[in-house]
Amino acid sequence: MTKYIFITGGVVSSLGKGIIGASLGKLLRARGFSVAIQKFDPYINVDPGTMSPFQHGEVFVTDDGAETDLDLGHYERFIDTNFSQLSSVTSGSVYQTVINKERRGDYLGGTVQVIPHITNEIKSRIIKAQKSFKPDFQIIEIGGTIGDIESLPFIESIRQFKSEVGIGNAINIHCTLLPYLPTSGELKTKPSQHSVTVLRSYGLQPEILVCRTSKAIPKTEKDKLALFCSVSKEAVVECRDMKSIYEVPLALEEQKFAEVVLKLLQVPDRKADLTKWQELVDRINHPTGTIKIGIAGKYTKLSDAYISVVESIKHAGYADNVKTEIKWINSEECLDNAKCKELLADVDGVIVPGGFGVRGIEGKLNVIRHARENNLPFLGICLGMQCAVIEYARNVAGLKGANSTEFDENASIPVIDLMLEQKNVKGYGGTMRLGAYDCHIKKGTKAHEVYDANKISERHRHRYEVNTDYIEQLKKAGLVFSGMSPDGMLSEIVELPDLDWFVACQFHPEFKSRPERPHPLFKGLIDAVVKQKSAQS
């Protein structure tokens, strides 16, 4: 029988509920249990696909094409499991489903209400995921903060669900903040106590309290929290700030976090095998060198907009036992060639990631040209690949007017054009080429060398593609198309074989990178950087 673990948060937002949930999933997986995770987001958007990265950060994409919250990326990276559209639930999707049912007459003319119709739909999403994944444990994170009006239907659904499955089959872990006041030199427990009081007012009593803190929690304060929040002393868990998020599972394991969870859910504990994860953390904390990678984009003021790219760079660095520093480069500052050269002077490699719209494009083209002409290891992702093709077409293939119809509808040489199946698409939400698609790799290329496979599957999120009318011309000019769709119509990977690493892909490799298994394209980039630095020293 599946056991259910609900995670809520209080006091403030951005407490790291996703990392705590992912860490618990890792600890359970290390004990040989199967784990599924869901993220419930209270916003009215059907999914985050149409939201600005400045507002919401990265949009993570699953194999089956769901556009989800970035926490799903943490879940997949920590637990090393691919999740699906069932793992992401929003208020918008729930209300949309209920309203569609009402329009069809499914409720037989009855009055449609938050209780029971909305809450029943939320609970049905839990059951659907359970039936699909059939996990030993299902972790459900509720986005937002306790006390938010928009999250009340989810909280009520949890209350009902816990009652329905019975004691020992579901627990609530509540994450709170213990602020430290330097003037008094104290950690304050009162905000956590108030947060639990609010949670209780909704009919939920947490079984475990996870306290985010910058300082060690004294035993007296733990005892006070246990007393006033009605949890056992062993169920007050400290989650201190760490140098790396990958240290969190080990820190929680030291406090017997998973053991407490299993005890509450009446499941016998098992010995955890965290040997490889400990080795990973040891490499993170004891690198043999440092490299600097530039990320040239237009959302650089919010690193969460490229969080999977950043983590993928780190994963590849861990494998080569080097620390990777990130230099954020605003592509709009690269419009001037001299300024572009200056900004790239101290980086060992550069990535141009995905994005949308014309803003900052000419700067990205200058970054790519500098990388190409100076053998600076380069990786282009999605829009980054399209820009690489445009730059090569203009400056090497002699196609001076080369552009994308995304940036100029009347481009005289549209080397990048809207995909045929996108021509008649109406609306924006969930209408791009989304999810995993196969790609055939050309033998003898750098792509084939790093993948060591003839066929791969990667996740996509785009509307525009390389225009097939110009592929032969670009090939003659020296651009190698090393990855193509099975029908040979869509360009997936391009590269320049004479450079140490100049590779660009139409898909998003960052969505499949794992801390213990870095993605081949990121590994290829970092390997090239390390090799270059070694040759220079």
Protein backbone atom coordinates (compact mmCIF):
# COMPACT_ATOMS: atom_id res chain seq x y z
CA MET A 1 0.00 0.00 0.00
CA THR A 2 1.33 3.44 -0.94
CA LYS A 3 2.18 5.74 1.96
CA TYR A 4 1.60 9.48 1.53
CA ILE A 5 3.81 12.33 2.72
CA PHE A 6 2.47 15.89 2.45
CA ILE A 7 4.90 18.81 2.73
CA THR A 8 3.67 22.29 3.65
CA GLY A 9 5.55 25.48 4.43
CA GLY A 10 5.07 28.34 6.83
CA VAL A 11 6.44 31.71 8.00
CA VAL A 12 7.93 32.74 4.62
CA SER A 13 8.08 31.47 1.05
CA SER A 14 11.21 30.06 -0.64
CA LEU A 15 12.10 27.89 2.36
CA GLY A 16 13.31 25.06 0.17
CA LYS A 17 10.38 22.67 0.56
CA GLY A 18 11.30 21.23 -2.84
CA ILE A 19 14.87 20.42 -1.74
CA ILE A 20 13.59 18.91 1.51
CA GLY A 21 11.07 16.77 -0.37
CA ALA A 22 13.69 15.75 -2.94
CA SER A 23 16.16 14.91 -0.15
CA LEU A 24 13.60 12.74 1.63
CA GLY A 25 12.92 11.01 -1.69
CA LYS A 26 16.66 10.38 -2.06
CA LEU A 27 16.88 8.88 1.44
CA LEU A 28 13.93 6.58 0.78
CA ARG A 29 15.35 5.54 -2.60
CA ALA A 30 18.68 4.81 -0.89
CA ARG A 31 16.74 2.32 1.25
CA GLY A 32 15.38 0.54 -1.81
CA PHE A 33 11.89 2.07 -1.77
CA SER A 34 10.16 3.44 -4.87
CA VAL A 35 9.17 7.10 -4.69
CA ALA A 36 6.88 9.40 -6.68
CA ILE A 37 6.62 13.14 -6.11
CA GLN A 38 3.95 15.68 -6.97
CA LYS A 39 4.03 19.48 -6.78
CA PHE A 40 0.72 21.28 -6.10
CA ASP A 41 0.90 24.96 -7.06
CA PRO A 42 -1.89 27.32 -5.95
CA TYR A 43 -1.61 29.80 -8.85
CA ILE A 44 -4.46 30.10 -11.37
CA ASN A 45 -2.20 29.63 -14.40
CA VAL A 46 -2.89 26.22 -15.93
CA ASP A 47 0.88 25.66 -15.95
CA PRO A 48 3.97 27.90 -15.72
CA GLY A 49 4.61 27.65 -19.49
CA THR A 50 3.36 31.17 -20.25
CA MET A 51 4.86 32.80 -17.15
CA SER A 52 7.87 35.12 -17.34
CA PRO A 53 11.14 33.57 -16.07
CA PHE A 54 11.57 36.76 -14.02
CA GLN A 55 8.34 35.87 -12.18
CA HIS A 56 8.60 32.14 -11.83
CA GLY A 57 12.08 31.02 -12.82
CA GLU A 58 12.72 28.12 -15.17
CA VAL A 59 10.01 26.05 -16.79
CA PHE A 60 10.95 22.39 -16.43
CA VAL A 61 9.73 19.95 -19.10
CA THR A 62 8.97 16.25 -18.58
CA ASP A 63 9.30 13.40 -21.09
CA ASP A 64 5.57 13.51 -21.82
CA GLY A 65 5.66 17.25 -22.55
CA ALA A 66 4.34 18.81 -19.34
CA GLU A 67 5.57 22.33 -18.58
CA THR A 68 6.13 22.34 -14.83
CA ASP A 69 7.56 24.15 -11.84
CA LEU A 70 11.36 24.08 -11.45
CA ASP A 71 11.02 21.96 -8.27
CA LEU A 72 10.26 18.99 -10.51
CA GLY A 73 13.81 19.34 -11.82
CA HIS A 74 15.16 18.99 -8.28
CA TYR A 75 12.97 15.93 -7.77
CA GLU A 76 14.28 14.21 -10.90
CA ARG A 77 17.91 15.11 -10.18
CA PHE A 78 17.88 13.90 -6.57
CA ILE A 79 15.73 10.80 -7.04
CA ASP A 80 17.00 9.95 -10.56
CA THR A 81 13.46 9.18 -11.70
CA ASN A 82 11.56 10.61 -14.67
CA PHE A 83 8.19 12.03 -13.69
CA SER A 84 5.22 13.11 -15.84
CA GLN A 85 2.37 15.57 -16.24
CA LEU A 86 0.69 13.79 -13.30
CA SER A 87 3.47 15.18 -11.09
CA SER A 88 2.44 18.80 -11.62
CA VAL A 89 -0.93 20.11 -10.43
CA THR A 90 -2.05 23.76 -10.40
CA SER A 91 -5.20 25.49 -9.20
CA GLY A 92 -5.70 26.57 -12.81
CA SER A 93 -5.66 23.01 -14.14
CA VAL A 94 -7.97 21.82 -11.35
CA TYR A 95 -10.53 24.59 -11.87
CA GLN A 96 -10.32 24.19 -15.66
CA THR A 97 -11.16 20.48 -15.34
CA VAL A 98 -14.06 21.11 -12.96
CA ILE A 99 -15.49 23.89 -15.13
CA ASN A 100 -15.22 21.71 -18.25
CA LYS A 101 -17.12 18.95 -16.42
CA GLU A 102 -19.80 21.45 -15.40
CA ARG A 103 -20.16 22.66 -19.01
CA ARG A 104 -20.59 19.06 -20.18
CA GLY A 105 -23.27 18.46 -17.58
CA ASP A 106 -21.27 15.91 -15.62
CA TYR A 107 -22.63 17.26 -12.34
CA LEU A 108 -26.26 16.72 -13.44
CA GLY A 109 -27.33 20.28 -12.80
CA GLY A 110 -25.99 20.41 -9.25
CA THR A 111 -24.37 23.46 -7.70
CA VAL A 112 -20.60 23.27 -8.23
CA GLN A 113 -18.61 24.26 -5.13
CA VAL A 114 -15.07 24.29 -3.79
CA ILE A 115 -16.15 21.53 -1.41
CA PRO A 116 -16.65 18.84 -2.60
CA HIS A 117 -16.00 19.39 -6.31
CA ILE A 118 -12.64 21.20 -6.29
CA THR A 119 -11.31 19.17 -3.36
CA ASN A 120 -12.45 15.91 -4.97
CA GLU A 121 -10.63 16.83 -8.18
CA ILE A 122 -7.45 17.58 -6.20
CA LYS A 123 -7.68 14.23 -4.40
CA SER A 124 -8.27 12.46 -7.72
CA ARG A 125 -4.93 13.85 -8.97
CA ILE A 126 -3.19 12.14 -6.03
CA ILE A 127 -4.90 8.84 -6.85
CA LYS A 128 -4.12 9.11 -10.59
CA ALA A 129 -0.43 9.54 -9.85
CA GLN A 130 -0.52 6.67 -7.38
CA LYS A 131 -2.11 4.36 -9.95
CA SER A 132 0.40 5.42 -12.62
CA PHE A 133 3.63 5.22 -10.59
CA LYS A 134 2.51 2.64 -7.97
CA PRO A 135 5.17 3.90 -5.54
CA ASP A 136 5.93 2.77 -2.01
CA PHE A 137 5.91 6.44 -1.03
CA GLN A 138 4.20 9.42 -2.65
CA ILE A 139 5.52 12.84 -1.63
CA ILE A 140 3.21 15.79 -2.30
CA GLU A 141 4.55 19.33 -1.88
CA ILE A 142 2.05 22.18 -1.49
CA GLY A 143 3.42 25.39 -2.98
CA GLY A 144 3.12 28.74 -1.25
CA THR A 145 2.87 29.48 2.46
CA ILE A 146 0.30 28.44 5.05
CA GLY A 147 -2.18 31.27 5.45
CA ASP A 148 -2.31 32.08 1.73
CA ILE A 149 -5.93 32.23 0.59
CA GLU A 150 -5.23 30.51 -2.73
CA SER A 151 -3.79 27.36 -1.11
CA LEU A 152 -6.81 26.66 1.12
CA PRO A 153 -8.48 24.12 -1.25
CA PHE A 154 -5.25 22.09 -1.29
CA ILE A 155 -4.97 22.17 2.51
CA GLU A 156 -8.57 21.08 2.89
CA SER A 157 -7.97 18.27 0.38
CA ILE A 158 -5.01 17.06 2.47
CA ARG A 159 -7.14 17.12 5.61
CA GLN A 160 -9.80 15.01 3.94
CA PHE A 161 -7.29 12.65 2.32
CA LYS A 162 -5.41 11.97 5.57
CA SER A 163 -8.69 11.15 7.27
CA GLU A 164 -9.75 8.84 4.43
CA VAL A 165 -6.54 6.77 4.27
CA GLY A 166 -6.26 6.55 8.06
CA ILE A 167 -3.57 6.87 10.71
CA GLY A 168 -0.22 5.43 9.71
CA ASN A 169 -0.80 5.87 5.99
CA ALA A 170 -0.26 9.63 5.59
CA ILE A 171 1.74 12.28 7.44
CA ASN A 172 2.28 16.02 7.15
CA ILE A 173 5.78 17.50 7.28
CA HIS A 174 5.68 21.23 7.98
CA CYS A 175 8.69 23.38 7.02
CA THR A 176 9.23 26.62 8.90
CA LEU A 177 11.87 29.29 9.43
CA LEU A 178 13.72 29.87 12.68
CA PRO A 179 15.02 33.45 12.31
CA TYR A 180 18.21 34.42 14.12
CA LEU A 181 18.29 37.83 15.81
CA PRO A 182 21.91 39.06 16.09
CA THR A 183 20.98 41.74 18.67
CA SER A 184 19.80 39.12 21.17
CA GLY A 185 21.91 36.26 19.84
CA GLU A 186 18.85 33.99 19.71
CA LEU A 187 16.97 31.74 17.33
CA LYS A 188 13.28 32.62 17.64
CA THR A 189 10.71 29.80 17.67
CA LYS A 190 7.58 31.93 17.88
CA PRO A 191 7.08 32.32 14.08
CA SER A 192 7.11 28.51 13.75
CA GLN A 193 4.66 28.15 16.62
CA HIS A 194 2.30 30.64 14.98
CA SER A 195 2.62 28.87 11.62
CA VAL A 196 1.64 25.54 13.20
CA THR A 197 -1.30 27.27 14.92
CA VAL A 198 -2.53 28.47 11.52
CA LEU A 199 -2.11 24.98 10.08
CA ARG A 200 -4.09 23.50 12.99
CA SER A 201 -6.88 26.02 12.42
CA TYR A 202 -7.37 24.35 9.02
CA GLY A 203 -7.64 20.93 10.66
CA LEU A 204 -4.07 19.71 10.02
CA GLN A 205 -1.65 18.67 12.76
CA PRO A 206 1.92 18.21 11.47
CA GLU A 207 3.72 15.03 12.53
CA ILE A 208 7.19 16.40 11.70
CA LEU A 209 8.63 19.91 11.87
CA VAL A 210 11.60 20.72 9.59
CA CYS A 211 13.19 23.99 10.68
CA ARG A 212 15.25 26.04 8.25
CA THR A 213 17.98 27.86 10.13
CA SER A 214 21.38 29.49 9.71
CA LYS A 215 22.50 28.33 13.17
CA ALA A 216 22.44 25.06 15.09
CA ILE A 217 19.21 24.70 17.07
CA PRO A 218 19.87 24.31 20.83
CA LYS A 219 18.21 21.35 22.53
CA THR A 220 16.13 23.73 24.67
CA GLU A 221 14.62 25.30 21.55
CA LYS A 222 13.94 21.91 19.97
CA ASP A 223 12.18 20.82 23.15
CA LYS A 224 10.13 24.03 23.15
CA LEU A 225 9.05 23.48 19.53
CA ALA A 226 8.10 19.87 20.27
CA LEU A 227 6.04 20.95 23.31
CA PHE A 228 4.17 23.85 21.71
CA CYS A 229 3.72 22.27 18.29
CA SER A 230 2.63 18.85 19.60
CA VAL A 231 5.27 16.77 17.83
CA SER A 232 7.73 14.31 19.33
CA LYS A 233 11.22 15.63 20.14
CA GLU A 234 12.78 13.35 17.54
CA ALA A 235 10.39 14.85 14.94
CA VAL A 236 11.88 18.36 15.25
CA VAL A 237 14.46 18.28 12.45
CA GLU A 238 17.10 20.91 11.80
CA CYS A 239 17.78 21.92 8.20
CA ARG A 240 20.72 24.27 8.26
CA ASP A 241 22.08 26.25 5.32
CA MET A 242 24.60 24.19 3.34
CA LYS A 243 27.34 25.02 0.84
CA SER A 244 25.66 22.71 -1.68
CA ILE A 245 22.08 21.48 -1.95
CA TYR A 246 23.50 17.98 -2.46
CA GLU A 247 24.70 17.96 1.16
CA VAL A 248 21.12 18.24 2.46
CA PRO A 249 20.22 14.50 2.22
CA LEU A 250 23.32 13.56 4.22
CA ALA A 251 22.61 16.19 6.88
CA LEU A 252 19.03 14.95 7.22
CA GLU A 253 20.19 11.33 7.35
CA GLU A 254 22.44 12.18 10.31
CA GLN A 255 19.34 13.34 12.17
CA LYS A 256 17.48 10.12 11.31
CA PHE A 257 14.89 12.06 9.31
CA ALA A 258 13.86 9.14 7.09
CA GLU A 259 13.85 6.80 10.10
CA VAL A 260 11.33 9.09 11.86
CA VAL A 261 9.19 9.23 8.68
CA LEU A 262 9.17 5.43 8.36
CA LYS A 263 8.30 4.98 12.02
CA LEU A 264 5.31 7.33 11.73
CA LEU A 265 4.14 5.50 8.61
CA GLN A 266 4.56 2.12 10.30
CA VAL A 267 7.13 0.86 7.79
CA PRO A 268 10.23 -1.08 8.98
CA ASP A 269 13.45 0.83 8.40
CA ARG A 270 16.12 -0.44 6.01
CA LYS A 271 19.82 0.28 5.77
CA ALA A 272 20.50 3.21 3.46
CA ASP A 273 23.19 2.96 0.78
CA LEU A 274 24.46 6.51 0.34
CA THR A 275 28.05 5.58 -0.56
CA LYS A 276 28.02 7.07 -4.05
CA TRP A 277 26.19 10.18 -2.86
CA GLN A 278 28.82 10.66 -0.11
CA GLU A 279 31.55 10.30 -2.74
CA LEU A 280 29.76 12.95 -4.83
CA VAL A 281 29.65 15.38 -1.90
CA ASP A 282 33.33 14.69 -1.16
CA ARG A 283 34.21 15.66 -4.74
CA ILE A 284 32.06 18.78 -4.45
CA ASN A 285 33.86 19.85 -1.28
CA HIS A 286 37.38 18.94 -2.42
CA PRO A 287 37.84 20.02 -6.07
CA THR A 288 41.30 19.91 -7.63
CA GLY A 289 40.79 23.05 -9.70
CA THR A 290 38.42 25.84 -10.71
CA ILE A 291 36.99 26.82 -14.09
CA LYS A 292 34.71 29.67 -15.07
CA ILE A 293 31.77 29.23 -17.44
CA GLY A 294 29.88 32.17 -18.90
CA ILE A 295 26.11 31.99 -19.42
CA ALA A 296 25.06 34.58 -21.98
CA GLY A 297 21.32 35.20 -21.82
CA LYS A 298 18.72 37.86 -21.12
CA TYR A 299 17.29 36.56 -17.82
CA THR A 300 20.62 36.77 -15.98
CA LYS A 301 19.24 38.88 -13.11
CA LEU A 302 17.39 35.78 -11.87
CA SER A 303 19.57 32.68 -11.77
CA ASP A 304 16.50 30.46 -11.22
CA ALA A 305 15.60 31.18 -14.86
CA TYR A 306 18.49 28.88 -15.86
CA ILE A 307 18.65 26.65 -12.77
CA SER A 308 18.83 23.33 -14.65
CA VAL A 309 21.61 24.71 -16.87
CA VAL A 310 23.57 25.81 -13.79
CA GLU A 311 23.11 22.44 -12.08
CA SER A 312 24.11 20.59 -15.26
CA ILE A 313 27.34 22.60 -15.45
CA LYS A 314 28.05 21.69 -11.83
CA HIS A 315 27.32 17.99 -12.47
CA ALA A 316 29.87 17.89 -15.29
CA GLY A 317 32.36 19.75 -13.10
CA TYR A 318 31.91 17.23 -10.28
CA ALA A 319 32.74 14.40 -12.70
CA ASP A 320 36.00 16.15 -13.63
CA ASN A 321 36.65 17.08 -9.98
CA VAL A 322 36.64 20.81 -10.66
CA LYS A 323 34.67 23.65 -9.13
CA THR A 324 32.65 25.55 -11.72
CA GLU A 325 32.11 29.26 -11.24
CA ILE A 326 29.30 30.89 -13.20
CA LYS A 327 29.70 34.29 -14.82
CA TRP A 328 26.37 35.84 -15.80
CA ILE A 329 26.64 37.76 -19.05
CA ASN A 330 23.72 39.94 -20.11
CA SER A 331 23.57 39.43 -23.88
CA GLU A 332 22.26 42.99 -24.32
CA GLU A 333 25.65 44.23 -23.09
CA CYS A 334 27.37 42.30 -25.90
CA LEU A 335 26.04 44.40 -28.79
CA ASP A 336 29.42 46.10 -29.04
CA ASN A 337 32.16 43.70 -30.15
CA ALA A 338 34.80 45.27 -27.93
CA LYS A 339 32.53 45.00 -24.87
CA CYS A 340 31.65 41.41 -25.80
CA LYS A 341 35.34 40.50 -25.99
CA GLU A 342 35.94 42.16 -22.62
CA LEU A 343 33.09 40.26 -20.94
CA LEU A 344 34.33 36.93 -22.32
CA ALA A 345 38.01 37.55 -21.55
CA ASP A 346 38.04 35.71 -18.23
CA VAL A 347 35.75 32.75 -19.01
CA ASP A 348 36.99 29.29 -19.96
CA GLY A 349 33.82 28.31 -21.82
CA VAL A 350 30.43 29.80 -22.69
CA ILE A 351 26.83 28.65 -22.95
CA VAL A 352 24.04 30.41 -24.82
CA PRO A 353 20.83 28.92 -23.35
CA GLY A 354 17.23 28.91 -24.50
CA GLY A 355 14.84 31.84 -24.56
CA PHE A 356 12.25 33.64 -26.64
CA GLY A 357 11.98 36.96 -28.46
CA VAL A 358 14.33 39.30 -30.29
CA ARG A 359 15.75 41.15 -27.27
CA GLY A 360 19.47 40.46 -26.81
CA ILE A 361 19.79 38.35 -29.98
CA GLU A 362 22.51 40.41 -31.69
CA GLY A 363 24.53 40.23 -28.49
CA LYS A 364 24.20 36.44 -28.46
CA LEU A 365 25.38 36.33 -32.06
CA ASN A 366 28.49 38.32 -31.07
CA VAL A 367 29.16 35.93 -28.17
CA ILE A 368 28.92 32.93 -30.51
CA ARG A 369 31.13 34.52 -33.14
CA HIS A 370 33.78 35.27 -30.51
CA ALA A 371 33.64 31.65 -29.27
CA ARG A 372 33.90 30.28 -32.81
CA GLU A 373 36.76 32.53 -33.90
CA ASN A 374 38.76 32.07 -30.67
CA ASN A 375 38.18 28.33 -30.08
CA LEU A 376 36.41 29.10 -26.82
CA PRO A 377 34.46 25.94 -25.84
CA PHE A 378 30.80 26.64 -26.60
CA LEU A 379 27.45 24.95 -26.04
CA GLY A 380 24.27 26.34 -27.59
CA ILE A 381 20.87 25.24 -26.30
CA CYS A 382 17.57 25.64 -28.20
CA LEU A 383 17.59 29.35 -29.11
CA GLY A 384 21.36 29.13 -28.61
CA MET A 385 21.55 26.62 -31.46
CA GLN A 386 19.36 28.78 -33.70
CA CYS A 387 21.65 31.74 -33.02
CA ALA A 388 24.70 29.58 -33.80
CA VAL A 389 23.19 28.68 -37.18
CA ILE A 390 22.33 32.32 -37.94
CA GLU A 391 25.84 33.49 -36.99
CA TYR A 392 27.48 30.80 -39.14
CA ALA A 393 25.19 31.52 -42.06
CA ARG A 394 25.96 35.25 -41.96
CA ASN A 395 29.69 35.19 -41.29
CA VAL A 396 30.91 31.94 -42.89
CA ALA A 397 28.34 30.74 -45.43
CA GLY A 398 27.96 34.21 -46.96
CA LEU A 399 24.21 34.47 -46.28
CA LYS A 400 24.33 38.09 -45.14
CA GLY A 401 20.60 38.48 -44.54
CA ALA A 402 20.27 35.28 -42.53
CA ASN A 403 17.82 35.53 -39.66
CA SER A 404 14.92 33.83 -37.90
CA THR A 405 11.31 34.63 -38.72
CA GLU A 406 10.79 34.83 -34.94
CA PHE A 407 12.86 38.02 -35.00
CA ASP A 408 11.93 39.27 -38.48
CA GLU A 409 8.79 37.92 -40.16
CA ASN A 410 10.02 39.23 -43.51
CA ALA A 411 13.58 37.92 -43.27
CA SER A 412 15.11 37.66 -46.73
CA ILE A 413 17.05 34.52 -45.76
CA PRO A 414 15.05 32.70 -43.07
CA VAL A 415 17.57 30.05 -42.00
CA ILE A 416 15.39 29.60 -38.90
CA ASP A 417 11.65 29.34 -39.49
CA LEU A 418 8.44 28.40 -37.71
CA MET A 419 7.90 24.64 -37.72
CA LEU A 420 5.28 23.50 -40.24
CA GLU A 421 2.98 22.05 -37.56
CA GLN A 422 3.16 25.35 -35.66
CA LYS A 423 1.81 27.47 -38.55
CA ASN A 424 -1.86 27.13 -37.57
CA VAL A 425 -1.43 26.89 -33.79
CA LYS A 426 -3.68 29.23 -31.82
CA GLY A 427 -2.78 30.36 -28.31
CA TYR A 428 0.41 29.88 -26.34
CA GLY A 429 -0.09 27.52 -23.39
CA GLY A 430 1.19 23.99 -24.06
CA THR A 431 1.27 24.43 -27.84
CA MET A 432 5.00 24.21 -28.55
CA ARG A 433 6.93 21.09 -29.57
CA LEU A 434 7.15 19.68 -26.07
CA GLY A 435 8.61 16.57 -24.48
CA ALA A 436 10.93 13.75 -25.52
CA TYR A 437 11.67 13.03 -29.19
CA ASP A 438 14.18 10.65 -30.77
CA CYS A 439 17.30 11.86 -32.53
CA HIS A 440 19.69 9.92 -34.79
CA ILE A 441 23.38 10.67 -34.26
CA LYS A 442 25.89 10.76 -37.11
CA LYS A 443 28.91 8.51 -36.56
CA GLY A 444 32.35 10.11 -36.41
CA THR A 445 31.06 13.31 -34.81
CA LYS A 446 31.70 14.81 -31.38
CA ALA A 447 28.05 14.18 -30.54
CA HIS A 448 28.43 10.48 -31.30
CA GLU A 449 31.67 10.36 -29.30
CA VAL A 450 30.13 11.76 -26.11
CA TYR A 451 26.78 9.97 -26.35
CA ASP A 452 28.33 6.70 -27.55
CA ALA A 453 24.97 5.89 -29.15
CA ASN A 454 23.36 5.97 -32.58
CA LYS A 455 19.96 7.06 -31.28
CA ILE A 456 19.06 9.24 -28.30
CA SER A 457 15.90 10.75 -26.80
CA GLU A 458 15.87 14.35 -25.56
CA ARG A 459 13.31 16.85 -24.31
CA HIS A 460 12.19 19.81 -26.40
CA ARG A 461 10.45 23.16 -25.90
CA HIS A 462 10.38 25.28 -29.04
CA ARG A 463 8.40 26.48 -32.07
CA TYR A 464 11.18 27.33 -34.54
CA GLU A 465 13.63 25.06 -36.35
CA VAL A 466 16.47 25.19 -38.86
CA ASN A 467 14.94 25.75 -42.29
CA THR A 468 15.62 22.61 -44.37
CA ASP A 469 15.97 24.78 -47.50
CA TYR A 470 19.37 25.99 -46.25
CA ILE A 471 20.85 22.84 -44.73
CA GLU A 472 22.85 21.77 -47.81
CA GLN A 473 24.29 25.27 -48.22
CA LEU A 474 25.34 25.34 -44.56
CA LYS A 475 26.85 21.85 -44.86
CA LYS A 476 28.96 22.94 -47.83
CA ALA A 477 30.21 25.85 -45.74
CA GLY A 478 31.44 23.39 -43.09
CA LEU A 479 28.66 23.20 -40.52
CA VAL A 480 28.12 19.57 -39.48
CA PHE A 481 24.57 18.41 -38.75
CA SER A 482 25.44 15.61 -36.34
CA GLY A 483 21.93 14.96 -35.00
CA MET A 484 18.69 14.75 -36.98
CA SER A 485 15.12 13.64 -36.32
CA PRO A 486 14.37 10.05 -37.47
CA ASP A 487 12.70 11.35 -40.66
CA GLY A 488 15.72 13.54 -41.39
CA MET A 489 13.63 16.71 -41.51
CA LEU A 490 14.49 18.41 -38.19
CA SER A 491 17.98 19.50 -37.18
CA GLU A 492 18.76 18.48 -33.60
CA ILE A 493 22.54 18.96 -33.20
CA VAL A 494 25.09 21.01 -35.14
CA GLU A 495 28.83 21.22 -34.54
CA LEU A 496 32.18 22.40 -35.88
CA PRO A 497 34.57 19.41 -35.70
CA ASP A 498 37.78 21.43 -36.10
CA LEU A 499 37.22 23.31 -32.83
CA ASP A 500 37.81 21.82 -29.38
CA TRP A 501 34.09 22.05 -28.54
CA PHE A 502 31.57 23.96 -30.60
CA VAL A 503 28.28 22.08 -30.29
CA ALA A 504 24.70 23.30 -30.25
CA CYS A 505 21.44 21.40 -29.83
CA GLN A 506 17.78 22.21 -30.48
CA PHE A 507 16.63 20.29 -27.40
CA HIS A 508 17.22 20.98 -23.69
CA PRO A 509 19.92 18.59 -22.39
CA GLU A 510 19.82 20.24 -18.96
CA PHE A 511 16.52 18.51 -18.15
CA LYS A 512 18.16 15.05 -18.15
CA SER A 513 21.41 15.75 -16.31
CA ARG A 514 21.93 14.08 -12.92
CA PRO A 515 24.50 14.83 -10.18
CA GLU A 516 25.92 11.31 -10.37
CA ARG A 517 25.46 11.07 -14.16
CA PRO A 518 26.15 14.36 -15.98
CA HIS A 519 24.64 14.94 -19.40
CA PRO A 520 27.03 14.03 -22.26
CA LEU A 521 26.89 17.47 -23.92
CA PHE A 522 27.69 19.33 -20.70
CA LYS A 523 30.37 16.76 -19.92
CA GLY A 524 31.83 17.33 -23.39
CA LEU A 525 31.95 21.08 -22.79
CA ILE A 526 33.63 20.80 -19.38
CA ASP A 527 36.04 18.11 -20.61
CA ALA A 528 37.14 20.47 -23.40
CA VAL A 529 37.60 23.33 -20.95
CA VAL A 530 39.64 21.19 -18.54
CA LYS A 531 41.78 19.88 -21.42
CA GLN A 532 42.46 23.39 -22.69
CA LYS A 533 43.41 24.67 -19.22
CA SER A 534 45.68 21.67 -18.68
CA ALA A 535 47.45 22.34 -21.99
CA GLN A 536 47.94 26.01 -21.07
CA SER A 537 49.43 25.29 -17.63
